[in-house]
């Protein structure tokens, strides 16, 4: 996935509520990294990280285990 944000930041954040539900449903099956989530959503990792970090900050997601070899944590929904 391309890691550049091609859209205005306001546009990306406007999508947050829609993406929150999609990300939550993706992670119900099993924990995934941000690049894995971005690939499934077909959105750039740079946009996906904004949505995932917002969900993590507000307690909707949690990190699982240690980071992988590339430095990415896996995330899962908080029960």
PDB file of N, CA and C in Angstrom:
ATOM      1  N   UNK A   1       0.838  -1.187   0.000  1.00  0.00           N
ATOM      2  CA  UNK A   1       0.000   0.000   0.000  1.00  0.00           C
ATOM      3  C   UNK A   1       0.877   1.243   0.000  1.00  0.00           C
ATOM      4  N   UNK A   2       0.445   2.241  -0.633  1.00  0.00           N
ATOM      5  CA  UNK A   2       1.127   3.524  -0.673  1.00  0.00           C
ATOM      6  C   UNK A   2       0.967   4.204   0.683  1.00  0.00           C
ATOM      7  N   UNK A   3       2.041   4.725   1.247  1.00  0.00           N
ATOM      8  CA  UNK A   3       1.993   5.323   2.578  1.00  0.00           C
ATOM      9  C   UNK A   3       1.783   6.829   2.570  1.00  0.00           C
ATOM     10  N   UNK A   4       1.489   7.422   1.453  1.00  0.00           N
ATOM     11  CA  UNK A   4       1.269   8.851   1.400  1.00  0.00           C
ATOM     12  C   UNK A   4      -0.217   9.157   1.534  1.00  0.00           C
ATOM     13  N   UNK A   5      -0.513  10.274   2.202  1.00  0.00           N
ATOM     14  CA  UNK A   5      -1.903  10.718   2.284  1.00  0.00           C
ATOM     15  C   UNK A   5      -2.180  11.533   1.026  1.00  0.00           C
ATOM     16  N   UNK A   6      -3.156  11.074   0.256  1.00  0.00           N
ATOM     17  CA  UNK A   6      -3.484  11.752  -0.997  1.00  0.00           C
ATOM     18  C   UNK A   6      -4.678  12.677  -0.828  1.00  0.00           C
ATOM     19  N   UNK A   7      -5.334  12.570   0.321  1.00  0.00           N
ATOM     20  CA  UNK A   7      -6.510  13.405   0.548  1.00  0.00           C
ATOM     21  C   UNK A   7      -6.208  14.413   1.647  1.00  0.00           C
ATOM     22  N   UNK A   8      -6.998  15.434   1.680  1.00  0.00           N
ATOM     23  CA  UNK A   8      -6.922  16.439   2.719  1.00  0.00           C
ATOM     24  C   UNK A   8      -7.162  15.773   4.076  1.00  0.00           C
ATOM     25  N   UNK A   9      -6.441  16.185   5.108  1.00  0.00           N
ATOM     26  CA  UNK A   9      -6.564  15.603   6.450  1.00  0.00           C
ATOM     27  C   UNK A   9      -8.006  15.673   6.958  1.00  0.00           C
ATOM     28  N   UNK A  10      -8.699  16.740   6.675  1.00  0.00           N
ATOM     29  CA  UNK A  10     -10.095  16.869   7.113  1.00  0.00           C
ATOM     30  C   UNK A  10     -10.963  15.782   6.474  1.00  0.00           C
ATOM     31  N   UNK A  11     -10.704  15.473   5.207  1.00  0.00           N
ATOM     32  CA  UNK A  11     -11.442  14.401   4.528  1.00  0.00           C
ATOM     33  C   UNK A  11     -11.188  13.056   5.195  1.00  0.00           C
ATOM     34  N   UNK A  12      -9.931  12.800   5.512  1.00  0.00           N
ATOM     35  CA  UNK A  12      -9.563  11.532   6.143  1.00  0.00           C
ATOM     36  C   UNK A  12     -10.264  11.401   7.485  1.00  0.00           C
ATOM     37  N   UNK A  13     -10.234  12.439   8.284  1.00  0.00           N
ATOM     38  CA  UNK A  13     -10.845  12.376   9.613  1.00  0.00           C
ATOM     39  C   UNK A  13     -12.372  12.337   9.540  1.00  0.00           C
ATOM     40  N   UNK A  14     -12.939  12.896   8.494  1.00  0.00           N
ATOM     41  CA  UNK A  14     -14.391  12.834   8.314  1.00  0.00           C
ATOM     42  C   UNK A  14     -14.851  11.383   8.129  1.00  0.00           C
ATOM     43  N   UNK A  15     -13.984  10.552   7.591  1.00  0.00           N
ATOM     44  CA  UNK A  15     -14.303   9.138   7.373  1.00  0.00           C
ATOM     45  C   UNK A  15     -14.149   8.292   8.637  1.00  0.00           C
ATOM     46  N   UNK A  16     -13.686   8.897   9.720  1.00  0.00           N
ATOM     47  CA  UNK A  16     -13.351   8.138  10.924  1.00  0.00           C
ATOM     48  C   UNK A  16     -14.508   7.282  11.444  1.00  0.00           C
ATOM     49  N   UNK A  17     -15.699   7.797  11.516  1.00  0.00           N
ATOM     50  CA  UNK A  17     -16.826   7.029  12.069  1.00  0.00           C
ATOM     51  C   UNK A  17     -17.162   5.811  11.207  1.00  0.00           C
ATOM     52  N   UNK A  18     -17.125   5.974   9.901  1.00  0.00           N
ATOM     53  CA  UNK A  18     -17.396   4.852   8.999  1.00  0.00           C
ATOM     54  C   UNK A  18     -16.289   3.812   9.119  1.00  0.00           C
ATOM     55  N   UNK A  19     -15.053   4.275   9.143  1.00  0.00           N
ATOM     56  CA  UNK A  19     -13.917   3.364   9.217  1.00  0.00           C
ATOM     57  C   UNK A  19     -13.837   2.673  10.567  1.00  0.00           C
ATOM     58  N   UNK A  20     -14.274   3.340  11.609  1.00  0.00           N
ATOM     59  CA  UNK A  20     -14.264   2.735  12.946  1.00  0.00           C
ATOM     60  C   UNK A  20     -15.048   1.426  12.934  1.00  0.00           C
ATOM     61  N   UNK A  21     -16.217   1.431  12.355  1.00  0.00           N
ATOM     62  CA  UNK A  21     -17.039   0.216  12.287  1.00  0.00           C
ATOM     63  C   UNK A  21     -16.377  -0.852  11.418  1.00  0.00           C
ATOM     64  N   UNK A  22     -15.819  -0.449  10.288  1.00  0.00           N
ATOM     65  CA  UNK A  22     -15.161  -1.410   9.393  1.00  0.00           C
ATOM     66  C   UNK A  22     -13.936  -2.031  10.063  1.00  0.00           C
ATOM     67  N   UNK A  23     -13.133  -1.194  10.708  1.00  0.00           N
ATOM     68  CA  UNK A  23     -11.929  -1.693  11.377  1.00  0.00           C
ATOM     69  C   UNK A  23     -12.317  -2.639  12.508  1.00  0.00           C
ATOM     70  N   UNK A  24     -13.320  -2.261  13.262  1.00  0.00           N
ATOM     71  CA  UNK A  24     -13.766  -3.112  14.365  1.00  0.00           C
ATOM     72  C   UNK A  24     -14.194  -4.483  13.833  1.00  0.00           C
ATOM     73  N   UNK A  25     -14.934  -4.524  12.745  1.00  0.00           N
ATOM     74  CA  UNK A  25     -15.391  -5.815  12.207  1.00  0.00           C
ATOM     75  C   UNK A  25     -14.222  -6.634  11.644  1.00  0.00           C
ATOM     76  N   UNK A  26     -13.242  -5.975  11.042  1.00  0.00           N
ATOM     77  CA  UNK A  26     -12.055  -6.674  10.534  1.00  0.00           C
ATOM     78  C   UNK A  26     -11.296  -7.339  11.676  1.00  0.00           C
ATOM     79  N   UNK A  27     -11.206  -6.645  12.803  1.00  0.00           N
ATOM     80  CA  UNK A  27     -10.401  -7.134  13.922  1.00  0.00           C
ATOM     81  C   UNK A  27     -11.147  -8.117  14.825  1.00  0.00           C
ATOM     82  N   UNK A  28     -12.432  -8.299  14.610  1.00  0.00           N
ATOM     83  CA  UNK A  28     -13.183  -9.284  15.399  1.00  0.00           C
ATOM     84  C   UNK A  28     -12.662 -10.691  15.145  1.00  0.00           C
ATOM     85  N   UNK A  29     -12.262 -10.973  13.903  1.00  0.00           N
ATOM     86  CA  UNK A  29     -11.793 -12.307  13.535  1.00  0.00           C
ATOM     87  C   UNK A  29     -10.476 -12.639  14.224  1.00  0.00           C
ATOM     88  N   UNK A  30      -9.473 -11.778  14.044  1.00  0.00           N
ATOM     89  CA  UNK A  30      -8.191 -11.954  14.724  1.00  0.00           C
ATOM     90  C   UNK A  30      -7.406 -10.643  14.642  1.00  0.00           C
ATOM     91  N   UNK A  31      -6.469 -10.440  15.567  1.00  0.00           N
ATOM     92  CA  UNK A  31      -5.690  -9.195  15.581  1.00  0.00           C
ATOM     93  C   UNK A  31      -4.886  -9.018  14.291  1.00  0.00           C
ATOM     94  N   UNK A  32      -4.711  -7.757  13.901  1.00  0.00           N
ATOM     95  CA  UNK A  32      -3.975  -7.438  12.682  1.00  0.00           C
ATOM     96  C   UNK A  32      -3.137  -6.179  12.894  1.00  0.00           C
ATOM     97  N   UNK A  33      -2.106  -6.037  12.057  1.00  0.00           N
ATOM     98  CA  UNK A  33      -1.268  -4.838  12.067  1.00  0.00           C
ATOM     99  C   UNK A  33      -1.932  -3.750  11.215  1.00  0.00           C
ATOM    100  N   UNK A  34      -1.424  -2.548  11.340  1.00  0.00           N
ATOM    101  CA  UNK A  34      -1.948  -1.441  10.531  1.00  0.00           C
ATOM    102  C   UNK A  34      -1.801  -1.710   9.031  1.00  0.00           C
ATOM    103  N   UNK A  35      -0.642  -2.194   8.543  1.00  0.00           N
ATOM    104  CA  UNK A  35      -0.560  -2.498   7.106  1.00  0.00           C
ATOM    105  C   UNK A  35      -1.564  -3.571   6.665  1.00  0.00           C
ATOM    106  N   UNK A  36      -1.823  -4.559   7.511  1.00  0.00           N
ATOM    107  CA  UNK A  36      -2.814  -5.588   7.171  1.00  0.00           C
ATOM    108  C   UNK A  36      -4.218  -4.987   7.100  1.00  0.00           C
ATOM    109  N   UNK A  37      -4.532  -4.122   8.050  1.00  0.00           N
ATOM    110  CA  UNK A  37      -5.840  -3.458   8.060  1.00  0.00           C
ATOM    111  C   UNK A  37      -5.979  -2.583   6.811  1.00  0.00           C
ATOM    112  N   UNK A  38      -4.940  -1.814   6.510  1.00  0.00           N
ATOM    113  CA  UNK A  38      -4.959  -0.932   5.327  1.00  0.00           C
ATOM    114  C   UNK A  38      -5.173  -1.726   4.052  1.00  0.00           C
ATOM    115  N   UNK A  39      -4.529  -2.876   3.956  1.00  0.00           N
ATOM    116  CA  UNK A  39      -4.672  -3.716   2.766  1.00  0.00           C
ATOM    117  C   UNK A  39      -6.108  -4.204   2.609  1.00  0.00           C
ATOM    118  N   UNK A  40      -6.714  -4.628   3.691  1.00  0.00           N
ATOM    119  CA  UNK A  40      -8.104  -5.101   3.636  1.00  0.00           C
ATOM    120  C   UNK A  40      -9.049  -3.956   3.290  1.00  0.00           C
ATOM    121  N   UNK A  41      -8.817  -2.783   3.886  1.00  0.00           N
ATOM    122  CA  UNK A  41      -9.672  -1.615   3.610  1.00  0.00           C
ATOM    123  C   UNK A  41      -9.427  -1.014   2.231  1.00  0.00           C
ATOM    124  N   UNK A  42      -8.249  -1.341   1.644  1.00  0.00           N
ATOM    125  CA  UNK A  42      -7.826  -0.741   0.373  1.00  0.00           C
ATOM    126  C   UNK A  42      -7.669   0.785   0.500  1.00  0.00           C
ATOM    127  N   UNK A  43      -7.065   1.174   1.628  1.00  0.00           N
ATOM    128  CA  UNK A  43      -6.744   2.577   1.905  1.00  0.00           C
ATOM    129  C   UNK A  43      -5.261   2.652   2.246  1.00  0.00           C
ATOM    130  N   UNK A  44      -4.631   3.795   2.034  1.00  0.00           N
ATOM    131  CA  UNK A  44      -3.217   3.931   2.379  1.00  0.00           C
ATOM    132  C   UNK A  44      -2.987   3.720   3.879  1.00  0.00           C
ATOM    133  N   UNK A  45      -1.837   3.163   4.218  1.00  0.00           N
ATOM    134  CA  UNK A  45      -1.475   2.968   5.625  1.00  0.00           C
ATOM    135  C   UNK A  45      -1.443   4.292   6.381  1.00  0.00           C
ATOM    136  N   UNK A  46      -1.040   5.361   5.714  1.00  0.00           N
ATOM    137  CA  UNK A  46      -0.975   6.678   6.361  1.00  0.00           C
ATOM    138  C   UNK A  46      -2.353   7.157   6.813  1.00  0.00           C
ATOM    139  N   UNK A  47      -3.396   6.812   6.090  1.00  0.00           N
ATOM    140  CA  UNK A  47      -4.758   7.152   6.514  1.00  0.00           C
ATOM    141  C   UNK A  47      -5.211   6.181   7.599  1.00  0.00           C
ATOM    142  N   UNK A  48      -4.935   4.919   7.394  1.00  0.00           N
ATOM    143  CA  UNK A  48      -5.369   3.881   8.323  1.00  0.00           C
ATOM    144  C   UNK A  48      -4.772   4.089   9.699  1.00  0.00           C
ATOM    145  N   UNK A  49      -3.524   4.513   9.761  1.00  0.00           N
ATOM    146  CA  UNK A  49      -2.897   4.719  11.073  1.00  0.00           C
ATOM    147  C   UNK A  49      -3.620   5.809  11.863  1.00  0.00           C
ATOM    148  N   UNK A  50      -4.137   6.806  11.191  1.00  0.00           N
ATOM    149  CA  UNK A  50      -4.879   7.862  11.887  1.00  0.00           C
ATOM    150  C   UNK A  50      -6.138   7.298  12.530  1.00  0.00           C
ATOM    151  N   UNK A  51      -6.862   6.463  11.803  1.00  0.00           N
ATOM    152  CA  UNK A  51      -8.092   5.882  12.340  1.00  0.00           C
ATOM    153  C   UNK A  51      -7.795   4.907  13.472  1.00  0.00           C
ATOM    154  N   UNK A  52      -6.790   4.047  13.278  1.00  0.00           N
ATOM    155  CA  UNK A  52      -6.447   3.051  14.299  1.00  0.00           C
ATOM    156  C   UNK A  52      -5.949   3.747  15.565  1.00  0.00           C
ATOM    157  N   UNK A  53      -5.101   4.757  15.418  1.00  0.00           N
ATOM    158  CA  UNK A  53      -4.579   5.442  16.601  1.00  0.00           C
ATOM    159  C   UNK A  53      -5.674   6.195  17.351  1.00  0.00           C
ATOM    160  N   UNK A  54      -6.647   6.733  16.639  1.00  0.00           N
ATOM    161  CA  UNK A  54      -7.782   7.382  17.312  1.00  0.00           C
ATOM    162  C   UNK A  54      -8.583   6.341  18.101  1.00  0.00           C
ATOM    163  N   UNK A  55      -8.811   5.190  17.492  1.00  0.00           N
ATOM    164  CA  UNK A  55      -9.551   4.126  18.182  1.00  0.00           C
ATOM    165  C   UNK A  55      -8.775   3.624  19.392  1.00  0.00           C
ATOM    166  N   UNK A  56      -7.459   3.517  19.258  1.00  0.00           N
ATOM    167  CA  UNK A  56      -6.615   3.073  20.360  1.00  0.00           C
ATOM    168  C   UNK A  56      -6.621   4.113  21.489  1.00  0.00           C
ATOM    169  N   UNK A  57      -6.485   5.370  21.126  1.00  0.00           N
ATOM    170  CA  UNK A  57      -6.445   6.446  22.126  1.00  0.00           C
ATOM    171  C   UNK A  57      -7.719   6.506  22.948  1.00  0.00           C
ATOM    172  N   UNK A  58      -8.849   6.271  22.315  1.00  0.00           N
ATOM    173  CA  UNK A  58     -10.128   6.362  23.020  1.00  0.00           C
ATOM    174  C   UNK A  58     -10.596   5.029  23.586  1.00  0.00           C
ATOM    175  N   UNK A  59      -9.718   4.038  23.583  1.00  0.00           N
ATOM    176  CA  UNK A  59      -9.993   2.784  24.266  1.00  0.00           C
ATOM    177  C   UNK A  59     -10.827   1.767  23.511  1.00  0.00           C
ATOM    178  N   UNK A  60     -10.974   1.920  22.211  1.00  0.00           N
ATOM    179  CA  UNK A  60     -11.726   0.951  21.415  1.00  0.00           C
ATOM    180  C   UNK A  60     -10.852  -0.224  20.967  1.00  0.00           C
ATOM    181  N   UNK A  61      -9.526   0.013  20.875  1.00  0.00           N
ATOM    182  CA  UNK A  61      -8.581  -1.029  20.462  1.00  0.00           C
ATOM    183  C   UNK A  61      -7.467  -1.131  21.487  1.00  0.00           C
ATOM    184  N   UNK A  62      -6.827  -2.308  21.514  1.00  0.00           N
ATOM    185  CA  UNK A  62      -5.650  -2.496  22.338  1.00  0.00           C
ATOM    186  C   UNK A  62      -4.583  -3.238  21.553  1.00  0.00           C
ATOM    187  N   UNK A  63      -3.328  -3.009  21.951  1.00  0.00           N
ATOM    188  CA  UNK A  63      -2.201  -3.695  21.321  1.00  0.00           C
ATOM    189  C   UNK A  63      -2.150  -5.124  21.837  1.00  0.00           C
ATOM    190  N   UNK A  64      -1.692  -6.023  20.979  1.00  0.00           N
ATOM    191  CA  UNK A  64      -1.553  -7.426  21.341  1.00  0.00           C
ATOM    192  C   UNK A  64      -0.077  -7.801  21.235  1.00  0.00           C
ATOM    193  N   UNK A  65       0.498  -8.268  22.318  1.00  0.00           N
ATOM    194  CA  UNK A  65       1.871  -8.766  22.292  1.00  0.00           C
ATOM    195  C   UNK A  65       2.905  -7.709  21.985  1.00  0.00           C
ATOM    196  N   UNK A  66       3.995  -8.159  21.394  1.00  0.00           N
ATOM    197  CA  UNK A  66       5.128  -7.296  21.045  1.00  0.00           C
ATOM    198  C   UNK A  66       5.066  -6.974  19.556  1.00  0.00           C
ATOM    199  N   UNK A  67       5.772  -5.904  19.146  1.00  0.00           N
ATOM    200  CA  UNK A  67       5.778  -5.576  17.710  1.00  0.00           C
ATOM    201  C   UNK A  67       6.459  -6.658  16.887  1.00  0.00           C
ATOM    202  N   UNK A  68       6.038  -6.758  15.615  1.00  0.00           N
ATOM    203  CA  UNK A  68       6.658  -7.732  14.712  1.00  0.00           C
ATOM    204  C   UNK A  68       8.021  -7.220  14.248  1.00  0.00           C
ATOM    205  N   UNK A  69       8.660  -7.936  13.339  1.00  0.00           N
ATOM    206  CA  UNK A  69      10.000  -7.565  12.868  1.00  0.00           C
ATOM    207  C   UNK A  69      10.049  -6.187  12.201  1.00  0.00           C
ATOM    208  N   UNK A  70       8.927  -5.744  11.645  1.00  0.00           N
ATOM    209  CA  UNK A  70       8.865  -4.425  11.012  1.00  0.00           C
ATOM    210  C   UNK A  70       8.503  -3.332  12.018  1.00  0.00           C
ATOM    211  N   UNK A  71       8.226  -3.716  13.271  1.00  0.00           N
ATOM    212  CA  UNK A  71       7.899  -2.738  14.306  1.00  0.00           C
ATOM    213  C   UNK A  71       6.413  -2.467  14.476  1.00  0.00           C
ATOM    214  N   UNK A  72       5.560  -3.257  13.827  1.00  0.00           N
ATOM    215  CA  UNK A  72       4.122  -3.049  13.921  1.00  0.00           C
ATOM    216  C   UNK A  72       3.490  -3.935  14.993  1.00  0.00           C
ATOM    217  N   UNK A  73       2.657  -3.321  15.808  1.00  0.00           N
ATOM    218  CA  UNK A  73       1.851  -4.085  16.761  1.00  0.00           C
ATOM    219  C   UNK A  73       0.617  -4.609  16.058  1.00  0.00           C
ATOM    220  N   UNK A  74       0.040  -5.658  16.618  1.00  0.00           N
ATOM    221  CA  UNK A  74      -1.278  -6.106  16.187  1.00  0.00           C
ATOM    222  C   UNK A  74      -2.279  -5.485  17.141  1.00  0.00           C
ATOM    223  N   UNK A  75      -3.455  -5.211  16.622  1.00  0.00           N
ATOM    224  CA  UNK A  75      -4.514  -4.591  17.413  1.00  0.00           C
ATOM    225  C   UNK A  75      -5.754  -5.467  17.409  1.00  0.00           C
ATOM    226  N   UNK A  76      -6.502  -5.387  18.507  1.00  0.00           N
ATOM    227  CA  UNK A  76      -7.788  -6.088  18.608  1.00  0.00           C
ATOM    228  C   UNK A  76      -8.760  -5.182  19.346  1.00  0.00           C
ATOM    229  N   UNK A  77     -10.053  -5.425  19.167  1.00  0.00           N
ATOM    230  CA  UNK A  77     -11.053  -4.623  19.880  1.00  0.00           C
ATOM    231  C   UNK A  77     -10.975  -4.894  21.395  1.00  0.00           C
ATOM    232  N   UNK A  78     -11.238  -3.863  22.168  1.00  0.00           N
ATOM    233  CA  UNK A  78     -11.310  -4.013  23.623  1.00  0.00           C
ATOM    234  C   UNK A  78     -12.687  -4.588  23.942  1.00  0.00           C
ATOM    235  N   UNK A  79     -12.684  -5.618  24.739  1.00  0.00           N
ATOM    236  CA  UNK A  79     -13.953  -6.277  25.110  1.00  0.00           C
ATOM    237  C   UNK A  79     -14.634  -5.536  26.233  1.00  0.00           C
TER     238      UNK A  79
END
